[in-house]
Amino acid sequence: MVGYLQKMQLGDVKMDATTIGTIVVTVIGSLSSAKAWEFWMAKRADNKSDKESEMKETHLYRDDLKVEVKRLRDELKDLYVERDKEYKVFMEQIAELKEQLATFRTRVEFLERENEALRK
């Protein structure tokens, strides 16, 4: 019986050593997996931050383009308004010139008739 108790104690010690080894390996594994988890979470946060900053730059560029397009559209509208005003002025001037031309033609015809009458 004493031999049995010694074997049991040795077995218990062996079991305890195995259990302790398992515990140590588990603790090291859990610590390293916690560190690995922290690493992956930090890497994910960095990637997310990089993507957000890239999106902000993209949005900033897009917003700048929107502002530029609006400015150009306003400028184009102003140019069309100015062109329409100039077009109306030119049309009025052309109408006046047509009247003057008709008047001059009439005068020239009258003067030509008078000149021929005086020559005869």
C-alpha atoms as a PDB file:
ATOM      1  CA  MET A   1       0.000   0.000   0.000  1.00  0.00           C
ATOM      2  CA  VAL A   2       2.820   2.367   0.719  1.00  0.00           C
ATOM      3  CA  GLY A   3       4.112   1.728  -2.815  1.00  0.00           C
ATOM      4  CA  TYR A   4       0.711   2.548  -4.166  1.00  0.00           C
ATOM      5  CA  LEU A   5       0.588   5.833  -2.233  1.00  0.00           C
ATOM      6  CA  GLN A   6       4.069   6.724  -3.427  1.00  0.00           C
ATOM      7  CA  LYS A   7       3.050   6.006  -7.015  1.00  0.00           C
ATOM      8  CA  MET A   8      -0.080   8.021  -6.513  1.00  0.00           C
ATOM      9  CA  GLN A   9       1.836  10.908  -5.037  1.00  0.00           C
ATOM     10  CA  LEU A  10       4.347  10.734  -7.811  1.00  0.00           C
ATOM     11  CA  GLY A  11       1.515  10.474 -10.278  1.00  0.00           C
ATOM     12  CA  ASP A  12      -0.201  13.383  -8.610  1.00  0.00           C
ATOM     13  CA  VAL A  13       3.022  15.355  -8.771  1.00  0.00           C
ATOM     14  CA  LYS A  14       3.412  14.396 -12.380  1.00  0.00           C
ATOM     15  CA  MET A  15      -0.168  15.351 -12.978  1.00  0.00           C
ATOM     16  CA  ASP A  16       0.409  18.602 -11.176  1.00  0.00           C
ATOM     17  CA  ALA A  17       3.504  19.298 -13.268  1.00  0.00           C
ATOM     18  CA  THR A  18       1.518  18.541 -16.409  1.00  0.00           C
ATOM     19  CA  THR A  19      -1.303  20.692 -15.173  1.00  0.00           C
ATOM     20  CA  ILE A  20       1.127  23.484 -14.326  1.00  0.00           C
ATOM     21  CA  GLY A  21       2.736  23.156 -17.751  1.00  0.00           C
ATOM     22  CA  THR A  22      -0.689  23.302 -19.341  1.00  0.00           C
ATOM     23  CA  ILE A  23      -1.565  26.338 -17.265  1.00  0.00           C
ATOM     24  CA  VAL A  24       1.707  28.073 -18.199  1.00  0.00           C
ATOM     25  CA  VAL A  25       1.190  27.306 -21.892  1.00  0.00           C
ATOM     26  CA  THR A  26      -2.421  28.494 -21.646  1.00  0.00           C
ATOM     27  CA  VAL A  27      -1.396  31.722 -19.887  1.00  0.00           C
ATOM     28  CA  ILE A  28       1.348  32.391 -22.454  1.00  0.00           C
ATOM     29  CA  GLY A  29      -1.075  31.602 -25.262  1.00  0.00           C
ATOM     30  CA  SER A  30      -3.756  33.830 -23.834  1.00  0.00           C
ATOM     31  CA  LEU A  31      -1.305  36.659 -23.247  1.00  0.00           C
ATOM     32  CA  SER A  32       0.089  36.355 -26.716  1.00  0.00           C
ATOM     33  CA  SER A  33      -3.372  36.089 -28.210  1.00  0.00           C
ATOM     34  CA  ALA A  34      -4.423  39.176 -26.246  1.00  0.00           C
ATOM     35  CA  LYS A  35      -1.374  40.965 -27.617  1.00  0.00           C
ATOM     36  CA  ALA A  36      -2.153  39.607 -31.054  1.00  0.00           C
ATOM     37  CA  TRP A  37      -5.741  40.819 -30.666  1.00  0.00           C
ATOM     38  CA  GLU A  38      -4.489  44.257 -29.641  1.00  0.00           C
ATOM     39  CA  PHE A  39      -2.123  44.278 -32.617  1.00  0.00           C
ATOM     40  CA  TRP A  40      -4.849  43.341 -35.068  1.00  0.00           C
ATOM     41  CA  MET A  41      -7.267  45.822 -33.563  1.00  0.00           C
ATOM     42  CA  ALA A  42      -4.623  48.572 -33.747  1.00  0.00           C
ATOM     43  CA  LYS A  43      -3.860  47.609 -37.350  1.00  0.00           C
ATOM     44  CA  ARG A  44      -7.567  47.652 -38.169  1.00  0.00           C
ATOM     45  CA  ALA A  45      -7.952  51.065 -36.521  1.00  0.00           C
ATOM     46  CA  ASP A  46      -4.984  52.386 -38.526  1.00  0.00           C
ATOM     47  CA  ASN A  47      -6.450  51.021 -41.755  1.00  0.00           C
ATOM     48  CA  LYS A  48      -9.793  52.550 -40.901  1.00  0.00           C
ATOM     49  CA  SER A  49      -8.112  55.856 -40.105  1.00  0.00           C
ATOM     50  CA  ASP A  50      -6.200  55.722 -43.399  1.00  0.00           C
ATOM     51  CA  LYS A  51      -9.388  54.987 -45.324  1.00  0.00           C
ATOM     52  CA  GLU A  52     -11.215  57.813 -43.535  1.00  0.00           C
ATOM     53  CA  SER A  53      -8.443  60.285 -44.309  1.00  0.00           C
ATOM     54  CA  GLU A  54      -8.418  59.125 -47.931  1.00  0.00           C
ATOM     55  CA  MET A  55     -12.183  59.549 -48.082  1.00  0.00           C
ATOM     56  CA  LYS A  56     -11.867  63.018 -46.546  1.00  0.00           C
ATOM     57  CA  GLU A  57      -9.322  63.935 -49.201  1.00  0.00           C
ATOM     58  CA  THR A  58     -11.609  62.534 -51.890  1.00  0.00           C
ATOM     59  CA  HIS A  59     -14.560  64.447 -50.485  1.00  0.00           C
ATOM     60  CA  LEU A  60     -12.459  67.589 -50.166  1.00  0.00           C
ATOM     61  CA  TYR A  61     -11.395  67.259 -53.801  1.00  0.00           C
ATOM     62  CA  ARG A  62     -15.005  66.600 -54.825  1.00  0.00           C
ATOM     63  CA  ASP A  63     -16.215  69.598 -52.826  1.00  0.00           C
ATOM     64  CA  ASP A  64     -13.548  71.779 -54.445  1.00  0.00           C
ATOM     65  CA  LEU A  65     -14.738  70.586 -57.835  1.00  0.00           C
ATOM     66  CA  LYS A  66     -18.337  71.383 -56.926  1.00  0.00           C
ATOM     67  CA  VAL A  67     -17.339  74.912 -55.918  1.00  0.00           C
ATOM     68  CA  GLU A  68     -15.340  75.345 -59.131  1.00  0.00           C
ATOM     69  CA  VAL A  69     -18.213  74.054 -61.278  1.00  0.00           C
ATOM     70  CA  LYS A  70     -20.637  76.430 -59.533  1.00  0.00           C
ATOM     71  CA  ARG A  71     -18.247  79.351 -60.079  1.00  0.00           C
ATOM     72  CA  LEU A  72     -17.847  78.488 -63.752  1.00  0.00           C
ATOM     73  CA  ARG A  73     -21.596  78.111 -64.223  1.00  0.00           C
ATOM     74  CA  ASP A  74     -22.216  81.500 -62.620  1.00  0.00           C
ATOM     75  CA  GLU A  75     -19.533  83.029 -64.799  1.00  0.00           C
ATOM     76  CA  LEU A  76     -21.085  81.428 -67.874  1.00  0.00           C
ATOM     77  CA  LYS A  77     -24.540  82.737 -66.931  1.00  0.00           C
ATOM     78  CA  ASP A  78     -23.103  86.229 -66.503  1.00  0.00           C
ATOM     79  CA  LEU A  79     -21.416  85.968 -69.891  1.00  0.00           C
ATOM     80  CA  TYR A  80     -24.686  84.876 -71.530  1.00  0.00           C
ATOM     81  CA  VAL A  81     -26.551  87.778 -69.919  1.00  0.00           C
ATOM     82  CA  GLU A  82     -23.866  90.195 -71.092  1.00  0.00           C
ATOM     83  CA  ARG A  83     -23.893  88.660 -74.576  1.00  0.00           C
ATOM     84  CA  ASP A  84     -27.675  88.984 -74.778  1.00  0.00           C
ATOM     85  CA  LYS A  85     -27.452  92.662 -73.815  1.00  0.00           C
ATOM     86  CA  GLU A  86     -24.769  93.257 -76.431  1.00  0.00           C
ATOM     87  CA  TYR A  87     -26.829  91.331 -78.981  1.00  0.00           C
ATOM     88  CA  LYS A  88     -29.839  93.599 -78.342  1.00  0.00           C
ATOM     89  CA  VAL A  89     -27.645  96.685 -78.673  1.00  0.00           C
ATOM     90  CA  PHE A  90     -26.166  95.397 -81.941  1.00  0.00           C
ATOM     91  CA  MET A  91     -29.598  94.562 -83.319  1.00  0.00           C
ATOM     92  CA  GLU A  92     -30.781  98.084 -82.486  1.00  0.00           C
ATOM     93  CA  GLN A  93     -27.711  99.523 -84.186  1.00  0.00           C
ATOM     94  CA  ILE A  94     -28.311  97.341 -87.257  1.00  0.00           C
ATOM     95  CA  ALA A  95     -31.925  98.535 -87.396  1.00  0.00           C
ATOM     96  CA  GLU A  96     -30.760 102.157 -87.217  1.00  0.00           C
ATOM     97  CA  LEU A  97     -28.181 101.529 -89.939  1.00  0.00           C
ATOM     98  CA  LYS A  98     -30.843  99.934 -92.138  1.00  0.00           C
ATOM     99  CA  GLU A  99     -33.025 103.037 -91.706  1.00  0.00           C
ATOM    100  CA  GLN A 100     -30.113 105.308 -92.533  1.00  0.00           C
ATOM    101  CA  LEU A 101     -29.234 103.178 -95.557  1.00  0.00           C
ATOM    102  CA  ALA A 102     -32.813 103.376 -96.829  1.00  0.00           C
ATOM    103  CA  THR A 103     -32.764 107.140 -96.291  1.00  0.00           C
ATOM    104  CA  PHE A 104     -29.444 107.501 -98.124  1.00  0.00           C
ATOM    105  CA  ARG A 105     -30.656 105.357-101.009  1.00  0.00           C
ATOM    106  CA  THR A 106     -33.703 107.539-101.346  1.00  0.00           C
ATOM    107  CA  ARG A 107     -31.559 110.682-101.270  1.00  0.00           C
ATOM    108  CA  VAL A 108     -29.108 109.245-103.801  1.00  0.00           C
ATOM    109  CA  GLU A 109     -31.950 108.306-106.140  1.00  0.00           C
ATOM    110  CA  PHE A 110     -33.465 111.764-105.752  1.00  0.00           C
ATOM    111  CA  LEU A 111     -30.089 113.427-106.333  1.00  0.00           C
ATOM    112  CA  GLU A 112     -29.396 111.233-109.381  1.00  0.00           C
ATOM    113  CA  ARG A 113     -32.778 112.197-110.877  1.00  0.00           C
ATOM    114  CA  GLU A 114     -32.158 115.852-110.150  1.00  0.00           C
ATOM    115  CA  ASN A 115     -28.659 115.627-111.607  1.00  0.00           C
ATOM    116  CA  GLU A 116     -29.973 114.012-114.805  1.00  0.00           C
ATOM    117  CA  ALA A 117     -32.709 116.629-115.000  1.00  0.00           C
ATOM    118  CA  LEU A 118     -30.147 119.401-114.675  1.00  0.00           C
ATOM    119  CA  ARG A 119     -27.944 117.841-117.374  1.00  0.00           C
ATOM    120  CA  LYS A 120     -30.795 117.783-119.877  1.00  0.00           C
END
